[in-house]
Every structure is written in structure tokens, then in C-alpha cells.
N, C-alpha and C. Protein backbone atom coordinates (compact mmCIF):
# COMPACT_ATOMS: atom_id res chain seq x y z
N MET A 1 113.71 211.17 59.11
CA MET A 1 114.78 211.08 58.13
C MET A 1 115.67 209.90 58.51
N GLU A 2 115.97 209.11 57.54
CA GLU A 2 116.82 207.93 57.73
C GLU A 2 118.21 208.19 57.17
N ILE A 3 119.24 207.74 57.89
CA ILE A 3 120.63 208.02 57.51
C ILE A 3 120.98 207.44 56.15
N ASN A 4 120.54 206.22 55.86
CA ASN A 4 120.87 205.61 54.57
C ASN A 4 120.26 206.38 53.40
N GLU A 5 119.05 206.86 53.60
CA GLU A 5 118.39 207.67 52.57
C GLU A 5 119.15 208.97 52.37
N PHE A 6 119.56 209.59 53.48
CA PHE A 6 120.32 210.84 53.39
C PHE A 6 121.64 210.64 52.65
N VAL A 7 122.36 209.57 52.96
CA VAL A 7 123.63 209.29 52.29
C VAL A 7 123.40 209.11 50.79
N LYS A 8 122.32 208.43 50.42
CA LYS A 8 122.00 208.26 48.99
C LYS A 8 121.75 209.61 48.33
N HIS A 9 120.95 210.46 48.98
CA HIS A 9 120.68 211.79 48.41
C HIS A 9 121.96 212.62 48.31
N PHE A 10 122.81 212.51 49.32
CA PHE A 10 124.09 213.22 49.30
C PHE A 10 124.93 212.73 48.13
N ALA A 11 125.02 211.41 47.98
CA ALA A 11 125.82 210.81 46.90
C ALA A 11 125.27 211.18 45.53
N ASP A 12 123.96 211.36 45.43
CA ASP A 12 123.33 211.71 44.15
C ASP A 12 123.79 213.08 43.63
N GLN A 13 124.37 213.90 44.48
CA GLN A 13 124.83 215.22 44.07
C GLN A 13 126.13 215.15 43.26
N PHE A 14 126.81 214.01 43.35
CA PHE A 14 128.09 213.83 42.68
C PHE A 14 127.90 213.12 41.34
N ASP A 15 128.57 213.61 40.32
CA ASP A 15 128.49 213.00 39.00
C ASP A 15 129.61 211.98 38.77
N ASP A 16 130.81 212.30 39.23
CA ASP A 16 131.98 211.50 38.90
C ASP A 16 132.49 210.63 40.04
N THR A 17 131.93 210.77 41.22
CA THR A 17 132.36 209.98 42.37
C THR A 17 131.43 208.79 42.52
N ASP A 18 132.00 207.60 42.62
CA ASP A 18 131.21 206.38 42.78
C ASP A 18 130.49 206.42 44.12
N ALA A 19 129.20 206.13 44.10
CA ALA A 19 128.39 206.18 45.31
C ALA A 19 128.91 205.25 46.40
N SER A 20 129.62 204.19 46.01
CA SER A 20 130.16 203.27 47.00
C SER A 20 131.26 203.92 47.86
N GLU A 21 131.81 205.03 47.40
CA GLU A 21 132.83 205.76 48.16
C GLU A 21 132.22 206.66 49.23
N ILE A 22 130.91 206.81 49.20
CA ILE A 22 130.24 207.78 50.06
C ILE A 22 129.44 207.03 51.12
N ASN A 23 129.77 207.31 52.39
CA ASN A 23 129.05 206.72 53.52
C ASN A 23 129.07 207.73 54.66
N THR A 24 128.53 207.35 55.79
CA THR A 24 128.42 208.30 56.91
C THR A 24 129.76 208.83 57.39
N GLN A 25 130.83 208.05 57.21
CA GLN A 25 132.14 208.44 57.71
C GLN A 25 133.03 209.09 56.64
N THR A 26 132.46 209.38 55.48
CA THR A 26 133.21 210.02 54.40
C THR A 26 133.51 211.47 54.77
N LYS A 27 134.78 211.84 54.63
CA LYS A 27 135.18 213.25 54.78
C LYS A 27 134.98 213.88 53.40
N PHE A 28 133.78 214.41 53.21
CA PHE A 28 133.36 214.81 51.87
C PHE A 28 134.20 215.94 51.28
N HIS A 29 134.81 216.77 52.12
CA HIS A 29 135.69 217.84 51.61
C HIS A 29 136.93 217.26 50.92
N ASP A 30 137.29 216.03 51.28
CA ASP A 30 138.47 215.39 50.71
C ASP A 30 138.21 214.70 49.37
N LEU A 31 136.95 214.59 48.97
CA LEU A 31 136.64 213.96 47.69
C LEU A 31 137.13 214.85 46.55
N ASP A 32 137.73 214.25 45.54
CA ASP A 32 138.28 215.01 44.41
C ASP A 32 137.24 215.91 43.75
N GLU A 33 136.03 215.44 43.70
CA GLU A 33 134.98 216.18 42.99
C GLU A 33 134.39 217.33 43.81
N TRP A 34 134.66 217.37 45.11
CA TRP A 34 134.06 218.39 45.97
C TRP A 34 134.46 219.78 45.51
N SER A 35 133.49 220.67 45.44
CA SER A 35 133.72 222.05 45.01
C SER A 35 132.65 222.95 45.62
N SER A 36 132.79 224.23 45.42
CA SER A 36 131.77 225.16 45.92
C SER A 36 130.43 224.94 45.21
N LEU A 37 130.48 224.53 43.95
CA LEU A 37 129.22 224.24 43.23
C LEU A 37 128.53 223.02 43.82
N LEU A 38 129.30 222.02 44.19
CA LEU A 38 128.71 220.84 44.83
C LEU A 38 128.16 221.21 46.21
N ALA A 39 128.83 222.09 46.90
CA ALA A 39 128.33 222.56 48.20
C ALA A 39 126.96 223.21 48.03
N LEU A 40 126.82 224.05 47.02
CA LEU A 40 125.53 224.68 46.75
C LEU A 40 124.47 223.64 46.41
N SER A 41 124.87 222.62 45.68
CA SER A 41 123.95 221.54 45.33
C SER A 41 123.48 220.79 46.58
N VAL A 42 124.39 220.53 47.49
CA VAL A 42 124.03 219.86 48.75
C VAL A 42 123.11 220.75 49.58
N LEU A 43 123.42 222.03 49.66
CA LEU A 43 122.57 222.95 50.40
C LEU A 43 121.17 223.00 49.80
N ASN A 44 121.08 223.01 48.50
CA ASN A 44 119.79 223.00 47.81
C ASN A 44 119.03 221.70 48.11
N MET A 45 119.74 220.58 48.07
CA MET A 45 119.12 219.29 48.35
C MET A 45 118.56 219.25 49.77
N THR A 46 119.30 219.76 50.75
CA THR A 46 118.82 219.71 52.13
C THR A 46 117.56 220.56 52.31
N GLU A 47 117.50 221.65 51.58
CA GLU A 47 116.31 222.51 51.67
C GLU A 47 115.10 221.84 51.01
N LYS A 48 115.29 221.30 49.80
CA LYS A 48 114.17 220.71 49.07
C LYS A 48 113.69 219.39 49.67
N LYS A 49 114.60 218.53 50.06
CA LYS A 49 114.21 217.20 50.54
C LYS A 49 113.87 217.17 52.02
N TYR A 50 114.50 218.04 52.80
CA TYR A 50 114.33 217.98 54.25
C TYR A 50 113.79 219.26 54.87
N GLY A 51 113.61 220.29 54.06
CA GLY A 51 113.05 221.54 54.56
C GLY A 51 113.95 222.26 55.55
N VAL A 52 115.26 222.04 55.43
CA VAL A 52 116.22 222.64 56.36
C VAL A 52 117.20 223.50 55.57
N ASN A 53 117.34 224.73 56.01
CA ASN A 53 118.30 225.64 55.40
C ASN A 53 119.58 225.62 56.19
N LEU A 54 120.62 225.08 55.59
CA LEU A 54 121.95 225.11 56.20
C LEU A 54 122.72 226.27 55.57
N SER A 55 123.58 226.87 56.35
CA SER A 55 124.42 227.93 55.79
C SER A 55 125.66 227.29 55.17
N PHE A 56 126.31 228.05 54.30
CA PHE A 56 127.54 227.58 53.69
C PHE A 56 128.58 227.30 54.78
N ASP A 57 128.63 228.16 55.80
CA ASP A 57 129.59 227.97 56.90
C ASP A 57 129.30 226.69 57.69
N GLU A 58 128.03 226.39 57.90
CA GLU A 58 127.69 225.15 58.62
C GLU A 58 128.17 223.93 57.84
N LEU A 59 127.98 223.97 56.53
CA LEU A 59 128.44 222.86 55.70
C LEU A 59 129.96 222.81 55.68
N LYS A 60 130.59 223.97 55.57
CA LYS A 60 132.06 224.04 55.54
C LYS A 60 132.67 223.52 56.84
N ASN A 61 132.01 223.76 57.97
CA ASN A 61 132.52 223.34 59.27
C ASN A 61 132.22 221.87 59.58
N SER A 62 131.40 221.25 58.77
CA SER A 62 131.13 219.82 58.94
C SER A 62 132.27 219.03 58.32
N VAL A 63 132.61 217.92 58.92
CA VAL A 63 133.72 217.11 58.42
C VAL A 63 133.21 215.85 57.72
N LEU A 64 132.34 215.14 58.40
CA LEU A 64 131.80 213.88 57.88
C LEU A 64 130.38 214.08 57.37
N ILE A 65 129.95 213.19 56.51
CA ILE A 65 128.55 213.23 56.08
C ILE A 65 127.63 213.04 57.28
N GLN A 66 128.06 212.24 58.25
CA GLN A 66 127.30 212.06 59.49
C GLN A 66 127.09 213.40 60.19
N ASP A 67 128.08 214.28 60.15
CA ASP A 67 127.95 215.61 60.77
C ASP A 67 126.85 216.42 60.12
N VAL A 68 126.77 216.36 58.80
CA VAL A 68 125.72 217.08 58.07
C VAL A 68 124.35 216.52 58.44
N PHE A 69 124.25 215.19 58.47
CA PHE A 69 123.01 214.53 58.86
C PHE A 69 122.58 214.98 60.26
N ASN A 70 123.52 214.98 61.20
CA ASN A 70 123.21 215.39 62.59
C ASN A 70 122.76 216.84 62.65
N LEU A 71 123.38 217.68 61.87
CA LEU A 71 123.03 219.09 61.84
C LEU A 71 121.60 219.28 61.32
N ILE A 72 121.27 218.57 60.26
CA ILE A 72 119.91 218.65 59.71
C ILE A 72 118.90 218.16 60.74
N GLN A 73 119.21 217.05 61.38
CA GLN A 73 118.28 216.52 62.41
C GLN A 73 118.08 217.52 63.54
N SER A 74 119.13 218.23 63.91
CA SER A 74 119.00 219.19 65.00
C SER A 74 118.14 220.39 64.63
N LYS A 75 117.93 220.60 63.35
CA LYS A 75 117.15 221.75 62.88
C LYS A 75 115.73 221.37 62.49
N GLN A 76 115.41 220.10 62.55
CA GLN A 76 114.05 219.68 62.16
C GLN A 76 113.11 219.74 63.34
């Protein structure tokens, strides 16, 4: 798994947020569009694209997109 590819897939979950605002150091909980529905979308994406099941709590406890990437890598 490559970080740039992951950031792109993460950004693809957002409809109204410009992808240029999303990078490894983005505090995704602070994005205006972030919601519980988007969290479910991200969890679904990680399962389908990377075969990793993250819990809602694991995602909630992550701060940066880099944290989510690291968590997925640790489970592969």
C-alpha cells in the first residue's frame, strides 16, 4: 500500500471538500464535511480496498490521515 494512493482513496470519500486540502497531515475530524456517515464510508473503503477492518473507535482515536494509514499497515 502506498501513502499517496491511500490519501487519494481517503479524499475520494468526500464530496464537498477539495482533494487538495487532504494530505497525510490533515486532521480529518476538523474538516467541515466530516460526519459519522463519512466515517462509515472510510471504514468501508479500508475494508474493500485494503482488506482491513477498522473499528469506529480506532478511526475516532486517529487524528491524522497518516495515523489511519499506519493503523491499516499494522493490520496487514
